[in-house]
């Protein structure tokens, strides 16, 4: 085949990069973007949420918008000839459909985030007969925060610009040499 990229390693083994790419295109990509090697958005279970083709089509439709200048044939076909040309879809209908898909996708992402961030409080079962001298402290749930919040709480850094000798001399009070 003409499209194959076969390379020979330093040890003399041949490596088919095209087959290797096809073999691993559904594997989760390294990083924190949540995509596979094709670029499809995937969830934590490696199931495809949104394909790269749909993402590109939505972005294209957002930029281009509805097209008013779609060439259509308004002349009726001659007698005896059946029109076989498909009718172009209404661009406004396509845009409405794409915005609906966008809204559904955003709602799914919000629902996923809510299920991830929602923490259930542990159920504390108390015995029917109280145990003497046992004090239970209320469970205080700490709000999850990121690394940046933790660093900000730990340190507060005030940064001042360095002053030139002339600026320092101007700030001094008292008699100046003329």
N, C-alpha and C. Protein backbone atom coordinates (compact mmCIF):
# COMPACT_ATOMS: atom_id res chain seq x y z
N UNK A 1 0.84 -1.18 0.00
CA UNK A 1 0.00 0.00 0.00
C UNK A 1 0.88 1.24 0.00
N UNK A 2 0.39 2.29 -0.69
CA UNK A 2 1.19 3.50 -0.82
C UNK A 2 1.14 4.37 0.43
N UNK A 3 0.07 4.29 1.24
CA UNK A 3 -0.10 5.17 2.39
C UNK A 3 0.60 4.70 3.64
N UNK A 4 1.22 3.54 3.62
CA UNK A 4 1.85 3.02 4.83
C UNK A 4 3.17 3.73 5.10
N UNK A 5 3.39 4.02 6.35
CA UNK A 5 4.66 4.59 6.77
C UNK A 5 5.37 3.51 7.58
N UNK A 6 6.29 2.84 6.96
CA UNK A 6 7.04 1.79 7.64
C UNK A 6 8.47 2.30 7.84
N UNK A 7 8.89 2.31 9.08
CA UNK A 7 10.22 2.77 9.43
C UNK A 7 11.03 1.60 9.99
N UNK A 8 12.33 1.73 9.88
CA UNK A 8 13.21 0.70 10.43
C UNK A 8 13.93 1.28 11.64
N UNK A 9 13.85 0.58 12.76
CA UNK A 9 14.47 1.06 13.99
C UNK A 9 15.97 0.83 13.94
N UNK A 10 16.68 1.32 14.95
CA UNK A 10 18.14 1.17 15.00
C UNK A 10 18.53 -0.30 15.21
N UNK A 11 17.59 -1.09 15.74
CA UNK A 11 17.88 -2.51 15.94
C UNK A 11 17.48 -3.35 14.73
N UNK A 12 16.96 -2.71 13.67
CA UNK A 12 16.62 -3.42 12.46
C UNK A 12 15.18 -3.87 12.39
N UNK A 13 14.37 -3.57 13.37
CA UNK A 13 12.96 -3.96 13.35
C UNK A 13 12.17 -2.94 12.54
N UNK A 14 11.18 -3.40 11.79
CA UNK A 14 10.34 -2.48 11.03
C UNK A 14 9.10 -2.13 11.85
N UNK A 15 8.76 -0.84 11.83
CA UNK A 15 7.65 -0.32 12.61
C UNK A 15 6.67 0.35 11.65
N UNK A 16 5.41 -0.10 11.66
CA UNK A 16 4.36 0.47 10.83
C UNK A 16 3.60 1.49 11.67
N UNK A 17 3.92 2.78 11.47
CA UNK A 17 3.32 3.82 12.29
C UNK A 17 1.84 4.01 11.98
N UNK A 18 1.43 3.80 10.74
CA UNK A 18 0.01 3.92 10.39
C UNK A 18 -0.83 2.92 11.15
N UNK A 19 -0.38 1.67 11.19
CA UNK A 19 -1.11 0.64 11.92
C UNK A 19 -1.10 0.92 13.42
N UNK A 20 0.02 1.43 13.90
CA UNK A 20 0.13 1.75 15.32
C UNK A 20 -0.84 2.87 15.72
N UNK A 21 -0.96 3.88 14.85
CA UNK A 21 -1.91 4.97 15.10
C UNK A 21 -3.35 4.46 15.10
N UNK A 22 -3.70 3.65 14.11
CA UNK A 22 -5.06 3.10 14.04
C UNK A 22 -5.36 2.20 15.22
N UNK A 23 -4.38 1.49 15.68
CA UNK A 23 -4.58 0.55 16.77
C UNK A 23 -4.87 1.28 18.08
N UNK A 24 -4.30 2.47 18.27
CA UNK A 24 -4.40 3.17 19.55
C UNK A 24 -5.24 4.44 19.49
N UNK A 25 -6.11 4.60 18.48
CA UNK A 25 -6.85 5.85 18.37
C UNK A 25 -7.99 5.98 19.38
N UNK A 26 -8.41 4.88 19.99
CA UNK A 26 -9.49 4.96 20.99
C UNK A 26 -8.95 5.01 22.41
N UNK A 27 -7.64 5.03 22.58
CA UNK A 27 -7.03 5.04 23.90
C UNK A 27 -7.02 6.47 24.43
N UNK A 28 -7.23 6.63 25.73
CA UNK A 28 -7.24 7.95 26.37
C UNK A 28 -5.88 8.62 26.17
N UNK A 29 -5.92 9.89 25.79
CA UNK A 29 -4.69 10.64 25.58
C UNK A 29 -4.11 11.08 26.92
N UNK A 30 -2.81 11.27 26.96
CA UNK A 30 -2.15 11.69 28.19
C UNK A 30 -2.45 13.17 28.39
N UNK A 31 -2.80 13.53 29.61
CA UNK A 31 -3.10 14.93 29.93
C UNK A 31 -4.42 15.04 30.66
N UNK A 32 -4.86 16.26 30.87
CA UNK A 32 -6.07 16.48 31.64
C UNK A 32 -7.23 17.00 30.79
N UNK A 33 -7.18 16.81 29.49
CA UNK A 33 -8.23 17.32 28.62
C UNK A 33 -9.42 16.37 28.50
N UNK A 34 -9.27 15.11 28.81
CA UNK A 34 -10.37 14.17 28.70
C UNK A 34 -10.72 13.84 27.26
N UNK A 35 -9.71 13.55 26.44
CA UNK A 35 -9.92 13.19 25.05
C UNK A 35 -9.16 11.91 24.73
N UNK A 36 -9.56 11.27 23.63
CA UNK A 36 -8.79 10.13 23.16
C UNK A 36 -7.85 10.60 22.06
N UNK A 37 -7.14 9.67 21.44
CA UNK A 37 -6.12 10.05 20.46
C UNK A 37 -6.73 10.68 19.21
N UNK A 38 -8.00 10.39 18.91
CA UNK A 38 -8.67 11.01 17.78
C UNK A 38 -9.08 12.44 18.07
N UNK A 39 -9.25 12.78 19.36
CA UNK A 39 -9.71 14.11 19.73
C UNK A 39 -11.14 14.11 20.21
N UNK A 40 -11.79 12.94 20.29
CA UNK A 40 -13.15 12.85 20.80
C UNK A 40 -13.15 13.11 22.30
N UNK A 41 -14.16 13.82 22.80
CA UNK A 41 -14.28 14.01 24.25
C UNK A 41 -14.78 12.72 24.86
N UNK A 42 -14.13 12.31 25.96
CA UNK A 42 -14.53 11.07 26.61
C UNK A 42 -14.73 11.32 28.10
N UNK A 43 -15.54 10.44 28.71
CA UNK A 43 -15.78 10.58 30.15
C UNK A 43 -14.78 9.73 30.91
N UNK A 44 -14.98 9.61 32.21
CA UNK A 44 -14.02 8.88 33.04
C UNK A 44 -13.99 7.40 32.72
N UNK A 45 -15.05 6.88 32.12
CA UNK A 45 -15.09 5.47 31.74
C UNK A 45 -14.62 5.23 30.32
N UNK A 46 -13.99 6.22 29.69
CA UNK A 46 -13.48 6.16 28.32
C UNK A 46 -14.58 5.95 27.29
N UNK A 47 -15.80 6.41 27.58
CA UNK A 47 -16.89 6.36 26.61
C UNK A 47 -16.94 7.69 25.89
N UNK A 48 -17.16 7.67 24.57
CA UNK A 48 -17.16 8.88 23.76
C UNK A 48 -18.41 9.69 24.07
N UNK A 49 -18.21 10.94 24.49
CA UNK A 49 -19.31 11.86 24.77
C UNK A 49 -19.61 12.68 23.53
N UNK A 50 -18.58 13.20 22.91
CA UNK A 50 -18.74 14.10 21.78
C UNK A 50 -17.60 13.84 20.79
N UNK A 51 -17.94 13.52 19.55
CA UNK A 51 -16.90 13.22 18.58
C UNK A 51 -16.25 14.50 18.07
N UNK A 52 -15.06 14.37 17.54
CA UNK A 52 -14.31 15.50 17.01
C UNK A 52 -15.03 16.10 15.80
N UNK A 53 -15.69 15.26 15.01
CA UNK A 53 -16.40 15.73 13.82
C UNK A 53 -17.55 16.65 14.23
N UNK A 54 -18.31 16.24 15.26
CA UNK A 54 -19.42 17.08 15.73
C UNK A 54 -18.91 18.39 16.32
N UNK A 55 -17.80 18.33 17.03
CA UNK A 55 -17.23 19.55 17.61
C UNK A 55 -16.84 20.52 16.50
N UNK A 56 -16.19 20.01 15.47
CA UNK A 56 -15.75 20.86 14.36
C UNK A 56 -16.96 21.42 13.61
N UNK A 57 -18.01 20.60 13.42
CA UNK A 57 -19.20 21.06 12.72
C UNK A 57 -19.90 22.16 13.50
N UNK A 58 -19.99 22.02 14.83
CA UNK A 58 -20.61 23.05 15.66
C UNK A 58 -19.82 24.35 15.58
N UNK A 59 -18.49 24.26 15.65
CA UNK A 59 -17.65 25.45 15.58
C UNK A 59 -17.80 26.13 14.22
N UNK A 60 -17.87 25.33 13.15
CA UNK A 60 -18.03 25.88 11.80
C UNK A 60 -19.37 26.59 11.68
N UNK A 61 -20.43 25.96 12.18
CA UNK A 61 -21.75 26.57 12.07
C UNK A 61 -21.87 27.83 12.91
N UNK A 62 -21.15 27.90 14.04
CA UNK A 62 -21.16 29.12 14.84
C UNK A 62 -20.50 30.26 14.09
N UNK A 63 -19.40 29.98 13.39
CA UNK A 63 -18.68 31.02 12.68
C UNK A 63 -19.42 31.45 11.42
N UNK A 64 -19.91 30.50 10.67
CA UNK A 64 -20.51 30.79 9.38
C UNK A 64 -21.94 31.30 9.54
N UNK A 65 -22.71 30.67 10.41
CA UNK A 65 -24.10 31.08 10.61
C UNK A 65 -24.97 30.58 9.48
N UNK A 66 -26.25 30.97 9.50
CA UNK A 66 -27.15 30.51 8.44
C UNK A 66 -26.79 31.15 7.11
N UNK A 67 -26.85 30.38 6.07
CA UNK A 67 -26.50 30.86 4.74
C UNK A 67 -27.76 31.25 3.98
N UNK A 68 -27.80 32.49 3.51
CA UNK A 68 -28.95 32.95 2.73
C UNK A 68 -28.75 32.69 1.24
N UNK A 69 -27.52 32.55 0.81
CA UNK A 69 -27.21 32.42 -0.61
C UNK A 69 -26.99 30.98 -1.02
N UNK A 70 -27.89 30.10 -0.62
CA UNK A 70 -27.75 28.70 -1.02
C UNK A 70 -28.36 28.56 -2.41
N UNK A 71 -27.56 28.09 -3.37
CA UNK A 71 -28.11 27.97 -4.73
C UNK A 71 -29.16 26.86 -4.78
N UNK A 72 -30.35 27.23 -5.23
CA UNK A 72 -31.42 26.26 -5.39
C UNK A 72 -32.05 26.49 -6.75
N UNK A 73 -32.53 25.42 -7.31
CA UNK A 73 -33.19 25.52 -8.59
C UNK A 73 -34.68 25.71 -8.33
N UNK A 74 -35.22 26.89 -8.75
CA UNK A 74 -36.62 27.15 -8.54
C UNK A 74 -37.46 26.82 -9.76
N UNK A 75 -36.79 26.54 -10.85
CA UNK A 75 -37.53 26.21 -12.07
C UNK A 75 -38.06 24.79 -11.97
N UNK A 76 -39.30 24.55 -12.38
CA UNK A 76 -39.83 23.18 -12.33
C UNK A 76 -39.11 22.31 -13.35
N UNK A 77 -38.97 21.03 -13.07
CA UNK A 77 -38.29 20.17 -14.04
C UNK A 77 -39.15 20.00 -15.29
N UNK A 78 -38.50 19.75 -16.42
CA UNK A 78 -39.26 19.54 -17.65
C UNK A 78 -40.19 18.33 -17.52
N UNK A 79 -41.22 18.31 -18.36
CA UNK A 79 -42.20 17.22 -18.28
C UNK A 79 -41.54 15.88 -18.58
N UNK A 80 -41.96 14.89 -17.85
CA UNK A 80 -41.45 13.54 -18.07
C UNK A 80 -40.18 13.25 -17.30
N UNK A 81 -39.54 14.26 -16.70
CA UNK A 81 -38.31 14.05 -15.95
C UNK A 81 -38.64 14.20 -14.46
N UNK A 82 -38.26 13.22 -13.72
CA UNK A 82 -38.49 13.26 -12.28
C UNK A 82 -37.28 13.93 -11.63
N UNK A 83 -37.55 14.88 -10.73
CA UNK A 83 -36.46 15.59 -10.05
C UNK A 83 -35.77 14.63 -9.09
N UNK A 84 -34.46 14.41 -9.34
CA UNK A 84 -33.69 13.50 -8.49
C UNK A 84 -32.74 14.26 -7.58
N UNK A 85 -32.65 15.57 -7.78
CA UNK A 85 -31.73 16.36 -6.96
C UNK A 85 -32.35 16.55 -5.58
N UNK A 86 -31.60 16.25 -4.52
CA UNK A 86 -32.17 16.43 -3.18
C UNK A 86 -32.34 17.91 -2.86
N UNK A 87 -33.37 18.20 -2.08
CA UNK A 87 -33.65 19.58 -1.69
C UNK A 87 -32.72 19.94 -0.55
N UNK A 88 -32.12 21.12 -0.64
CA UNK A 88 -31.19 21.56 0.41
C UNK A 88 -31.97 21.84 1.69
N UNK A 89 -31.43 21.44 2.85
CA UNK A 89 -32.13 21.70 4.11
C UNK A 89 -32.13 23.19 4.43
N UNK A 90 -33.11 23.61 5.20
CA UNK A 90 -33.23 24.99 5.59
C UNK A 90 -32.08 25.36 6.53
N UNK A 91 -31.28 26.39 6.21
CA UNK A 91 -30.12 26.72 7.06
C UNK A 91 -30.52 27.17 8.45
N UNK A 92 -31.67 27.83 8.57
CA UNK A 92 -32.12 28.26 9.90
C UNK A 92 -32.50 27.07 10.76
N UNK A 93 -33.06 26.06 10.12
CA UNK A 93 -33.40 24.83 10.85
C UNK A 93 -32.13 24.13 11.31
N UNK A 94 -31.10 24.11 10.45
CA UNK A 94 -29.83 23.50 10.82
C UNK A 94 -29.19 24.23 12.00
N UNK A 95 -29.25 25.56 11.97
CA UNK A 95 -28.66 26.33 13.06
C UNK A 95 -29.42 26.08 14.36
N UNK A 96 -30.74 26.00 14.29
CA UNK A 96 -31.54 25.73 15.49
C UNK A 96 -31.20 24.35 16.04
N UNK A 97 -31.03 23.37 15.15
CA UNK A 97 -30.68 22.02 15.58
C UNK A 97 -29.32 22.00 16.25
N UNK A 98 -28.36 22.75 15.69
CA UNK A 98 -27.02 22.79 16.27
C UNK A 98 -27.02 23.48 17.64
N UNK A 99 -27.82 24.55 17.80
CA UNK A 99 -27.88 25.20 19.10
C UNK A 99 -28.54 24.29 20.12
N UNK A 100 -29.52 23.49 19.71
CA UNK A 100 -30.13 22.53 20.62
C UNK A 100 -29.10 21.49 21.06
N UNK A 101 -28.30 21.00 20.11
CA UNK A 101 -27.24 20.03 20.44
C UNK A 101 -26.24 20.65 21.40
N UNK A 102 -25.90 21.92 21.18
CA UNK A 102 -24.98 22.61 22.09
C UNK A 102 -25.54 22.68 23.49
N UNK A 103 -26.81 23.05 23.61
CA UNK A 103 -27.43 23.16 24.92
C UNK A 103 -27.48 21.80 25.62
N UNK A 104 -27.82 20.75 24.86
CA UNK A 104 -27.86 19.41 25.45
C UNK A 104 -26.48 18.99 25.94
N UNK A 105 -25.47 19.28 25.13
CA UNK A 105 -24.12 18.91 25.52
C UNK A 105 -23.70 19.65 26.79
N UNK A 106 -24.01 20.95 26.88
CA UNK A 106 -23.65 21.73 28.06
C UNK A 106 -24.39 21.22 29.29
N UNK A 107 -25.67 20.84 29.12
CA UNK A 107 -26.43 20.30 30.24
C UNK A 107 -25.83 18.98 30.73
N UNK A 108 -25.38 18.14 29.77
CA UNK A 108 -24.75 16.87 30.16
C UNK A 108 -23.47 17.13 30.94
N UNK A 109 -22.68 18.09 30.51
CA UNK A 109 -21.43 18.40 31.21
C UNK A 109 -21.72 18.92 32.63
N UNK A 110 -22.76 19.77 32.77
CA UNK A 110 -23.13 20.28 34.08
C UNK A 110 -23.58 19.15 34.99
N UNK A 111 -24.37 18.22 34.43
CA UNK A 111 -24.85 17.09 35.22
C UNK A 111 -23.67 16.23 35.68
N UNK A 112 -22.69 16.03 34.80
CA UNK A 112 -21.50 15.26 35.17
C UNK A 112 -20.74 15.96 36.30
N UNK A 113 -20.58 17.27 36.19
CA UNK A 113 -19.84 18.00 37.22
C UNK A 113 -20.57 17.95 38.55
N UNK A 114 -21.91 18.03 38.51
CA UNK A 114 -22.67 17.97 39.75
C UNK A 114 -22.51 16.62 40.41
N UNK A 115 -22.53 15.56 39.62
CA UNK A 115 -22.39 14.23 40.22
C UNK A 115 -20.98 14.02 40.74
N UNK A 116 -20.00 14.65 40.12
CA UNK A 116 -18.62 14.50 40.60
C UNK A 116 -18.40 15.28 41.88
N UNK A 117 -18.95 16.53 41.94
CA UNK A 117 -18.67 17.38 43.09
C UNK A 117 -19.60 17.13 44.26
N UNK A 118 -20.77 16.57 44.00
CA UNK A 118 -21.72 16.34 45.09
C UNK A 118 -21.20 15.22 45.97
N UNK A 119 -20.99 15.54 47.24
CA UNK A 119 -20.50 14.54 48.17
C UNK A 119 -21.63 14.17 49.13
N UNK A 120 -21.76 12.93 49.38
CA UNK A 120 -22.79 12.48 50.30
C UNK A 120 -22.20 12.45 51.69
N UNK A 121 -22.99 12.91 52.64
CA UNK A 121 -22.53 12.89 54.02
C UNK A 121 -22.68 11.47 54.56
N UNK A 122 -21.71 11.02 55.33
CA UNK A 122 -21.81 9.66 55.86
C UNK A 122 -22.95 9.58 56.88
N UNK A 123 -23.65 8.45 56.84
CA UNK A 123 -24.74 8.23 57.77
C UNK A 123 -24.15 7.70 59.06
N UNK A 124 -24.43 8.42 60.16
CA UNK A 124 -23.91 8.02 61.46
C UNK A 124 -25.05 7.35 62.21
N UNK A 125 -24.86 6.08 62.49
CA UNK A 125 -25.88 5.34 63.21
C UNK A 125 -25.57 5.41 64.70
N UNK A 126 -26.57 5.84 65.45
CA UNK A 126 -26.39 5.91 66.90
C UNK A 126 -27.04 4.68 67.52
N UNK A 127 -26.41 4.10 68.51
CA UNK A 127 -27.01 2.92 69.14
C UNK A 127 -28.27 3.31 69.91
N UNK A 128 -29.15 2.35 70.10
CA UNK A 128 -30.41 2.62 70.78
C UNK A 128 -30.19 2.93 72.25
N UNK A 129 -29.21 2.29 72.86
CA UNK A 129 -28.90 2.59 74.26
C UNK A 129 -27.65 3.46 74.27
N UNK A 130 -27.74 4.62 74.89
CA UNK A 130 -26.58 5.52 74.87
C UNK A 130 -25.42 4.97 75.68
N UNK A 131 -24.24 5.16 75.16
CA UNK A 131 -23.03 4.72 75.84
C UNK A 131 -22.55 5.90 76.69
N UNK A 132 -22.30 5.69 77.97
CA UNK A 132 -21.89 6.80 78.82
C UNK A 132 -20.48 7.28 78.48
N UNK A 133 -20.27 8.58 78.65
CA UNK A 133 -18.99 9.25 78.48
C UNK A 133 -18.41 9.14 77.07
N UNK A 134 -19.26 9.04 76.09
CA UNK A 134 -18.78 9.04 74.72
C UNK A 134 -19.30 10.30 74.06
N UNK A 135 -18.38 11.14 73.64
CA UNK A 135 -18.76 12.38 72.99
C UNK A 135 -18.47 12.26 71.51
N UNK A 136 -19.45 12.58 70.72
CA UNK A 136 -19.25 12.55 69.27
C UNK A 136 -19.16 13.97 68.77
N UNK A 137 -18.18 14.20 67.93
CA UNK A 137 -17.99 15.53 67.36
C UNK A 137 -18.70 15.57 66.01
N UNK A 138 -19.28 16.71 65.68
CA UNK A 138 -19.97 16.79 64.39
C UNK A 138 -18.95 16.68 63.25
N UNK A 139 -19.40 16.07 62.17
CA UNK A 139 -18.53 15.90 61.01
C UNK A 139 -18.51 17.20 60.24
N UNK A 140 -17.33 17.76 60.11
CA UNK A 140 -17.17 19.01 59.38
C UNK A 140 -16.58 18.66 58.02
N UNK A 141 -17.36 18.97 57.01
CA UNK A 141 -16.90 18.64 55.67
C UNK A 141 -16.13 19.82 55.11
N UNK A 142 -14.90 19.57 54.72
CA UNK A 142 -14.07 20.64 54.17
C UNK A 142 -14.43 20.80 52.70
N UNK A 143 -14.50 22.02 52.28
CA UNK A 143 -14.81 22.30 50.89
C UNK A 143 -13.57 22.01 50.04
N UNK A 144 -13.78 21.26 48.97
CA UNK A 144 -12.65 20.91 48.11
C UNK A 144 -12.16 22.16 47.40
N UNK A 145 -10.87 22.34 47.37
CA UNK A 145 -10.30 23.48 46.67
C UNK A 145 -9.06 23.03 45.93
N UNK A 146 -8.64 23.86 45.02
CA UNK A 146 -7.51 23.50 44.19
C UNK A 146 -6.18 23.86 44.82
N UNK A 147 -5.14 23.56 44.10
CA UNK A 147 -3.79 23.82 44.55
C UNK A 147 -3.54 25.32 44.69
N UNK A 148 -4.09 26.10 43.77
CA UNK A 148 -3.88 27.54 43.81
C UNK A 148 -4.50 28.15 45.06
N UNK A 149 -5.69 27.66 45.46
CA UNK A 149 -6.33 28.16 46.67
C UNK A 149 -5.50 27.82 47.91
N UNK A 150 -4.94 26.62 47.95
CA UNK A 150 -4.13 26.21 49.10
C UNK A 150 -2.88 27.08 49.22
N UNK A 151 -2.25 27.36 48.09
CA UNK A 151 -1.04 28.20 48.11
C UNK A 151 -1.41 29.62 48.51
N UNK A 152 -2.54 30.11 48.03
CA UNK A 152 -2.96 31.47 48.37
C UNK A 152 -3.25 31.60 49.85
N UNK A 153 -3.83 30.56 50.45
CA UNK A 153 -4.09 30.62 51.89
C UNK A 153 -2.81 30.53 52.68
N UNK A 154 -1.82 29.80 52.18
CA UNK A 154 -0.58 29.59 52.90
C UNK A 154 0.31 30.83 52.87
N UNK A 155 0.33 31.54 51.76
CA UNK A 155 1.25 32.67 51.62
C UNK A 155 0.51 33.87 51.04
N UNK A 156 0.91 35.00 51.46
CA UNK A 156 0.49 36.24 50.82
C UNK A 156 1.76 37.01 50.54
N UNK A 157 2.03 37.22 49.28
CA UNK A 157 3.28 37.85 48.88
C UNK A 157 2.96 39.25 48.36
N UNK A 158 3.66 40.22 48.89
CA UNK A 158 3.52 41.59 48.41
C UNK A 158 4.76 41.92 47.61
N UNK A 159 4.55 42.28 46.38
CA UNK A 159 5.68 42.54 45.50
C UNK A 159 5.72 44.03 45.19
N UNK A 160 6.86 44.64 45.45
CA UNK A 160 7.05 46.06 45.17
C UNK A 160 8.15 46.21 44.13
N UNK A 161 7.99 47.23 43.33
CA UNK A 161 8.99 47.49 42.31
C UNK A 161 10.23 48.10 42.96
N UNK A 162 11.40 47.75 42.45
CA UNK A 162 12.65 48.32 42.96
C UNK A 162 12.75 49.77 42.50
N UNK A 163 13.29 50.60 43.38
CA UNK A 163 13.40 52.02 43.07
C UNK A 163 14.83 52.36 42.70
N UNK A 164 14.94 53.27 41.78
CA UNK A 164 16.25 53.72 41.35
C UNK A 164 16.82 54.65 42.41
N UNK A 165 18.15 54.86 42.42
CA UNK A 165 18.75 55.79 43.38
C UNK A 165 18.15 57.20 43.29
N UNK A 166 17.79 57.63 42.13
CA UNK A 166 17.19 58.97 41.96
C UNK A 166 15.83 59.03 42.66
N UNK A 167 15.00 57.97 42.49
CA UNK A 167 13.70 57.94 43.15
C UNK A 167 13.86 57.91 44.67
N UNK A 168 14.86 57.18 45.16
CA UNK A 168 15.09 57.13 46.60
C UNK A 168 15.50 58.51 47.11
N UNK A 169 16.33 59.22 46.36
CA UNK A 169 16.77 60.56 46.76
C UNK A 169 15.60 61.54 46.77
N UNK A 170 14.67 61.39 45.83
CA UNK A 170 13.52 62.28 45.75
C UNK A 170 12.57 62.06 46.93
N UNK A 171 12.51 60.85 47.44
CA UNK A 171 11.61 60.55 48.55
C UNK A 171 12.11 61.06 49.89
N UNK A 172 13.43 61.28 50.02
CA UNK A 172 14.00 61.77 51.28
C UNK A 172 13.50 63.17 51.57
N UNK A 173 13.21 63.40 52.84
CA UNK A 173 12.77 64.73 53.23
C UNK A 173 13.98 65.53 53.75
N UNK A 174 13.86 66.82 53.76
CA UNK A 174 14.95 67.65 54.27
C UNK A 174 15.56 68.52 53.18
N UNK A 175 16.68 69.13 53.51
CA UNK A 175 17.36 70.05 52.60
C UNK A 175 18.08 69.26 51.54
N UNK A 176 17.96 69.77 50.32
CA UNK A 176 18.63 69.11 49.20
C UNK A 176 19.69 70.04 48.64
N UNK A 177 20.69 69.42 48.08
CA UNK A 177 21.77 70.20 47.46
C UNK A 177 21.26 70.74 46.14
N UNK A 178 21.52 72.03 45.92
CA UNK A 178 21.04 72.65 44.69
C UNK A 178 22.12 72.63 43.65
